[in-house]
Amino acid sequence: LEAILFDTLGLKSARKTKTGRSTDAEVLEALADDHALPGVILEHRAIAKLKGTYVDALPKLLHPETGRIHTRWSQAVAATGRISSQDPNLQNIPIRTALGRSIRKAFVAPKGKVLLSADYSQIELRVLAHLSHDEVLVDAFNRGQDVHVRTAMEVFGVPEEGVTAEMRRQSKTVNFGVI
């Protein structure tokens, strides 16, 4: 891959490793503007990871009697105090990509049962708002507003309807960076 990218295609090597020129994700993302191949490689790597980690692995974990996957839930493992899933970790199945969402669709409740999703609803930011008395944070929570959208409105100077998914993601990083 290194030879094809840098010798054959003549792309500029961004970083060297002990064994040669790097072809890691960061380098490929930077090269994607210069040629289509790095983007295709990134896509292939993402699909291969999903296939190996979930599509190939999860069916092997089906319980012989129930035909279902049974994870272990723990609250004392994660430093945040949040409940975590282990053996397998079902919380790592991607949700932001179409392929990740399609893998998640394989999880269905048995007849007469439901799958429950629970969230602390940004508890850390609620505590921060309470302790800091920050008017914007307090107002966002009092209004029932998505606090990350509200932060995006403040950071990017746009109305609520102008906040994009990317702006919200960046603002979420800002919010938790402040904490």
Protein backbone atom coordinates (compact mmCIF):
# COMPACT_ATOMS: atom_id res chain seq x y z
CA LEU A 1 0.00 0.00 0.00
CA GLU A 2 2.83 2.36 0.89
CA ALA A 3 4.52 1.76 -2.48
CA ILE A 4 1.28 2.25 -4.44
CA LEU A 5 0.34 5.48 -2.67
CA PHE A 6 3.71 7.15 -2.54
CA ASP A 7 5.78 5.60 -5.34
CA THR A 8 3.25 4.68 -8.02
CA LEU A 9 0.73 7.49 -7.45
CA GLY A 10 3.32 10.02 -6.28
CA LEU A 11 1.29 11.21 -3.28
CA LYS A 12 3.22 13.11 -0.65
CA SER A 13 4.12 11.11 2.44
CA ALA A 14 2.85 12.94 5.50
CA ARG A 15 4.55 10.92 8.21
CA LYS A 16 7.18 8.24 8.60
CA THR A 17 7.14 5.26 10.91
CA LYS A 18 10.01 3.05 12.06
CA THR A 19 9.43 0.80 9.05
CA GLY A 20 8.50 3.32 6.35
CA ARG A 21 5.86 5.84 5.35
CA SER A 22 2.65 5.79 7.36
CA THR A 23 -0.64 4.69 5.84
CA ASP A 24 -2.72 5.13 8.99
CA ALA A 25 -6.20 6.68 8.97
CA GLU A 26 -4.97 10.20 9.70
CA VAL A 27 -2.55 10.11 6.75
CA LEU A 28 -5.16 8.59 4.43
CA GLU A 29 -7.72 11.23 5.39
CA ALA A 30 -5.21 13.96 4.53
CA LEU A 31 -4.43 12.27 1.19
CA ALA A 32 -8.10 11.77 0.25
CA ASP A 33 -8.28 15.31 -1.14
CA ASP A 34 -5.45 14.53 -3.57
CA HIS A 35 -6.63 11.15 -4.89
CA ALA A 36 -9.68 8.87 -4.64
CA LEU A 37 -7.76 5.75 -3.54
CA PRO A 38 -7.08 6.79 0.09
CA GLY A 39 -10.82 7.33 0.59
CA VAL A 40 -11.60 3.91 -0.84
CA ILE A 41 -9.01 2.35 1.48
CA LEU A 42 -10.54 4.10 4.50
CA GLU A 43 -13.99 2.85 3.49
CA HIS A 44 -12.67 -0.69 3.02
CA ARG A 45 -11.00 -0.63 6.44
CA ALA A 46 -14.21 0.60 8.09
CA ILE A 47 -16.30 -2.11 6.41
CA ALA A 48 -13.73 -4.82 7.21
CA LYS A 49 -13.75 -3.78 10.88
CA LEU A 50 -17.54 -3.93 11.05
CA LYS A 51 -17.55 -7.29 9.32
CA GLY A 52 -14.92 -8.84 11.56
CA THR A 53 -16.06 -7.27 14.82
CA TYR A 54 -19.82 -7.66 14.42
CA VAL A 55 -21.13 -9.42 11.31
CA ASP A 56 -18.79 -12.42 11.66
CA ALA A 57 -18.40 -12.43 15.46
CA LEU A 58 -21.88 -11.80 16.86
CA PRO A 59 -23.63 -14.83 15.29
CA LYS A 60 -21.07 -17.07 17.03
CA LEU A 61 -22.23 -15.65 20.38
CA LEU A 62 -25.85 -16.77 20.04
CA HIS A 63 -27.03 -18.69 23.09
CA PRO A 64 -27.86 -22.26 22.04
CA GLU A 65 -31.18 -22.34 23.91
CA THR A 66 -32.49 -18.81 23.34
CA GLY A 67 -30.95 -18.05 19.96
CA ARG A 68 -30.15 -14.60 21.35
CA ILE A 69 -27.01 -12.73 22.40
CA HIS A 70 -26.71 -12.21 26.14
CA THR A 71 -24.29 -9.51 27.27
CA ARG A 72 -23.13 -8.82 30.82
CA TRP A 73 -24.07 -5.44 32.27
CA SER A 74 -21.89 -3.76 34.90
CA GLN A 75 -22.17 -0.43 36.65
CA ALA A 76 -18.94 -0.61 38.64
CA VAL A 77 -16.60 -0.97 35.65
CA ALA A 78 -16.77 2.37 33.80
CA ALA A 79 -15.07 5.32 35.49
CA THR A 80 -18.13 7.47 34.73
CA GLY A 81 -20.43 5.21 36.74
CA ARG A 82 -22.43 4.45 33.64
CA ILE A 83 -23.63 0.95 32.92
CA SER A 84 -21.31 -0.88 30.55
CA SER A 85 -21.82 -3.90 28.34
CA GLN A 86 -19.28 -6.73 28.20
CA ASP A 87 -18.83 -10.08 26.44
CA PRO A 88 -19.81 -8.73 23.93
CA ASN A 89 -19.73 -4.97 24.28
CA LEU A 90 -22.91 -4.04 22.47
CA GLN A 91 -22.47 -0.34 23.19
CA ASN A 92 -19.64 -0.02 20.66
CA ILE A 93 -21.79 -0.88 17.66
CA PRO A 94 -21.64 2.33 15.60
CA ILE A 95 -24.74 4.47 15.31
CA ARG A 96 -23.47 7.36 13.18
CA THR A 97 -23.01 5.37 9.97
CA ALA A 98 -25.64 3.67 7.85
CA LEU A 99 -23.76 0.35 8.09
CA GLY A 100 -23.57 0.60 11.88
CA ARG A 101 -27.26 1.38 12.09
CA SER A 102 -28.04 -1.62 9.88
CA ILE A 103 -26.10 -3.89 12.27
CA ARG A 104 -28.08 -2.45 15.18
CA LYS A 105 -31.31 -3.39 13.39
CA ALA A 106 -30.40 -7.05 13.97
CA PHE A 107 -31.22 -6.56 17.65
CA VAL A 108 -34.94 -7.03 18.22
CA ALA A 109 -36.94 -7.75 21.33
CA PRO A 110 -38.73 -11.08 21.65
CA LYS A 111 -42.47 -11.03 21.12
CA GLY A 112 -44.18 -9.29 24.01
CA LYS A 113 -40.93 -7.64 25.20
CA VAL A 114 -39.19 -4.35 24.45
CA LEU A 115 -35.63 -3.14 24.24
CA LEU A 116 -35.09 -0.26 26.62
CA SER A 117 -32.64 2.54 26.05
CA ALA A 118 -31.91 4.74 29.04
CA ASP A 119 -29.67 7.76 29.36
CA TYR A 120 -28.63 9.94 32.26
CA SER A 121 -29.64 12.84 30.01
CA GLN A 122 -26.38 14.77 30.14
CA ILE A 123 -26.12 14.50 33.91
CA GLU A 124 -22.60 15.93 33.99
CA LEU A 125 -23.74 19.06 32.19
CA ARG A 126 -26.77 19.38 34.46
CA VAL A 127 -24.47 19.27 37.49
CA LEU A 128 -22.17 21.82 35.83
CA ALA A 129 -25.14 24.12 35.14
CA HIS A 130 -26.27 23.82 38.74
CA LEU A 131 -22.86 24.40 40.30
CA SER A 132 -21.76 27.19 37.95
CA HIS A 133 -25.12 28.95 37.70
CA ASP A 134 -24.27 29.48 34.02
CA GLU A 135 -27.31 31.29 32.66
CA VAL A 136 -27.16 29.76 29.18
CA LEU A 137 -26.80 26.18 30.45
CA VAL A 138 -29.49 26.62 33.08
CA ASP A 139 -31.82 28.18 30.50
CA ALA A 140 -31.20 25.33 28.04
CA PHE A 141 -32.12 22.71 30.62
CA ASN A 142 -35.11 24.68 31.94
CA ARG A 143 -36.48 24.90 28.41
CA GLY A 144 -35.86 21.21 27.75
CA GLN A 145 -33.53 22.22 24.94
CA ASP A 146 -30.81 19.96 23.55
CA VAL A 147 -27.83 21.49 25.37
CA HIS A 148 -25.40 20.59 22.58
CA VAL A 149 -27.62 22.35 20.04
CA ARG A 150 -27.79 25.36 22.36
CA THR A 151 -24.00 25.43 22.65
CA ALA A 152 -23.73 25.20 18.86
CA MET A 153 -26.09 28.17 18.55
CA GLU A 154 -23.83 30.17 20.88
CA VAL A 155 -20.50 29.02 19.39
CA PHE A 156 -21.45 29.32 15.73
CA GLY A 157 -23.87 32.24 16.08
CA VAL A 158 -26.70 30.50 14.26
CA PRO A 159 -30.39 29.97 15.09
CA GLU A 160 -31.52 26.53 16.25
CA GLU A 161 -32.68 25.51 12.77
CA GLY A 162 -29.23 26.43 11.40
CA VAL A 163 -27.37 23.93 13.62
CA THR A 164 -26.02 21.01 11.58
CA ALA A 165 -25.20 17.55 12.91
CA GLU A 166 -21.50 18.37 12.58
CA MET A 167 -21.92 21.61 14.55
CA ARG A 168 -23.73 19.68 17.28
CA ARG A 169 -20.94 17.06 17.41
CA GLN A 170 -18.30 19.78 17.72
CA SER A 171 -20.30 21.52 20.44
CA LYS A 172 -20.66 18.27 22.34
CA THR A 173 -16.87 18.05 22.36
CA VAL A 174 -16.72 21.64 23.65
CA ASN A 175 -19.27 20.91 26.38
CA PHE A 176 -17.51 17.85 27.72
CA GLY A 177 -14.11 19.52 27.28
CA VAL A 178 -15.29 22.27 29.63
CA ILE A 179 -16.21 19.67 32.25
